[in-house]
Amino acid sequence: AWRLWNEGRPIELMDALMETPADTSELLRCIHVGLLCVQQRPEDRPTMPSVVLMLDSENPTLPQPKQPGFYSERYLTETDSSSTGTFRNTYTMMKDVTITT
C-alpha cells in the first residue's frame, strides 16, 4: 500500500473482483486514513475520534502520511545458479518487530 501510494497508484489496491464498482474517492480516503494510522511515530498517528471524523466527512483535509512503522519492500533478484533468467523473491525487512503478550 505504501509503495503504491508513493507511486501515485493507490487505486490498484482495489480488488478487481468486487461485484459493484467502488466509490473511488471513498476508497482513496480509506487508504489514506489507513496509512495515517500506521505511521512510524505514534504521535503522528491520528486518534480514534479523529479517524472516525476523517472517514465520516465528505471532504476531509488529510495530512500526507509518513512512512509506516513496519514496511517491507520486495525486490526481485536473479538466482545465482540459474542461467535462464528465472527470478526469486527476496524480502528485506526495514525494521524489527517485537510482540509481547
Protein backbone atom coordinates (compact mmCIF):
# COMPACT_ATOMS: atom_id res chain seq x y z
CA ALA A 1 0.00 0.00 0.00
CA TRP A 2 2.82 2.41 0.92
CA ARG A 3 4.72 1.77 -2.32
CA LEU A 4 1.60 2.19 -4.47
CA TRP A 5 0.68 5.38 -2.56
CA ASN A 6 4.11 6.89 -3.23
CA GLU A 7 3.96 5.88 -6.88
CA GLY A 8 0.55 7.57 -7.25
CA ARG A 9 -1.21 4.25 -7.88
CA PRO A 10 -3.18 3.51 -4.68
CA ILE A 11 -6.29 2.59 -6.67
CA GLU A 12 -4.51 -0.66 -7.62
CA LEU A 13 -5.22 -1.88 -4.09
CA MET A 14 -8.89 -2.28 -5.00
CA ASP A 15 -9.93 -5.89 -5.54
CA ALA A 16 -10.72 -6.28 -9.24
CA LEU A 17 -13.27 -8.99 -8.41
CA MET A 18 -15.59 -6.71 -6.43
CA GLU A 19 -19.19 -7.17 -7.58
CA THR A 20 -20.09 -3.49 -7.69
CA PRO A 21 -17.82 -0.60 -8.65
CA ALA A 22 -16.46 1.12 -5.57
CA ASP A 23 -16.65 4.84 -4.94
CA THR A 24 -13.09 5.82 -5.87
CA SER A 25 -12.93 8.85 -3.58
CA GLU A 26 -14.14 6.76 -0.63
CA LEU A 27 -11.62 4.03 -1.39
CA LEU A 28 -8.76 6.55 -1.61
CA ARG A 29 -9.85 8.18 1.65
CA CYS A 30 -9.84 4.78 3.42
CA ILE A 31 -6.34 4.00 2.11
CA HIS A 32 -5.14 7.48 3.12
CA VAL A 33 -6.55 7.18 6.66
CA GLY A 34 -5.15 3.65 6.98
CA LEU A 35 -1.68 4.91 6.10
CA LEU A 36 -2.02 7.73 8.64
CA CYS A 37 -2.84 5.13 11.32
CA VAL A 38 0.35 3.10 10.78
CA GLN A 39 2.92 5.91 10.67
CA GLN A 40 6.19 5.09 12.40
CA ARG A 41 5.92 7.72 15.16
CA PRO A 42 2.89 7.19 17.41
CA GLU A 43 2.48 10.94 17.91
CA ASP A 44 1.97 11.33 14.14
CA ARG A 45 -0.93 8.84 14.14
CA PRO A 46 -4.48 10.17 14.44
CA THR A 47 -6.62 9.40 17.48
CA MET A 48 -9.64 7.13 17.03
CA PRO A 49 -12.12 10.03 17.28
CA SER A 50 -10.12 11.77 14.51
CA VAL A 51 -10.22 8.62 12.39
CA VAL A 52 -14.00 8.44 12.74
CA LEU A 53 -14.31 12.08 11.66
CA MET A 54 -11.96 11.56 8.71
CA LEU A 55 -13.93 8.56 7.49
CA ASP A 56 -17.34 10.16 8.12
CA SER A 57 -16.60 13.53 6.48
CA GLU A 58 -17.37 14.06 2.81
CA ASN A 59 -14.32 16.24 2.05
CA PRO A 60 -11.83 15.97 4.90
CA THR A 61 -8.47 17.73 4.73
CA LEU A 62 -5.97 14.99 5.46
CA PRO A 63 -2.23 15.39 6.07
CA GLN A 64 0.16 13.44 3.89
CA PRO A 65 1.10 10.13 5.54
CA LYS A 66 4.68 9.45 6.56
CA GLN A 67 6.43 6.10 6.18
CA PRO A 68 4.79 3.29 8.15
CA GLY A 69 6.42 1.90 11.26
CA PHE A 70 6.65 -1.54 9.65
CA TYR A 71 7.47 -1.59 5.98
CA SER A 72 8.89 -4.34 3.83
CA GLU A 73 9.88 -3.97 0.23
CA ARG A 74 10.02 -6.85 -2.22
CA TYR A 75 12.98 -6.99 -4.55
CA LEU A 76 13.40 -9.38 -7.45
CA THR A 77 16.91 -10.76 -7.70
CA GLU A 78 18.38 -13.19 -10.18
CA THR A 79 19.17 -16.62 -8.76
CA ASP A 80 22.85 -17.47 -8.58
CA SER A 81 22.53 -20.95 -10.08
CA SER A 82 20.17 -20.12 -12.93
CA SER A 83 21.21 -19.06 -16.41
CA THR A 84 17.62 -18.98 -17.69
CA GLY A 85 16.82 -15.61 -16.16
CA THR A 86 14.48 -17.03 -13.51
CA PHE A 87 13.77 -14.74 -10.60
CA ARG A 88 13.04 -15.37 -6.94
CA ASN A 89 11.55 -13.04 -4.33
CA THR A 90 13.81 -11.67 -1.63
CA TYR A 91 12.20 -9.81 1.25
CA THR A 92 14.14 -7.14 3.10
CA MET A 93 12.76 -6.02 6.43
CA MET A 94 13.45 -2.39 7.21
CA LYS A 95 12.51 -2.59 10.89
CA ASP A 96 12.49 -5.31 13.55
CA VAL A 97 9.19 -6.07 15.26
CA THR A 98 8.69 -7.29 18.82
CA ILE A 99 5.36 -8.71 20.00
CA THR A 100 4.63 -9.08 23.69
CA THR A 101 1.51 -10.71 25.13
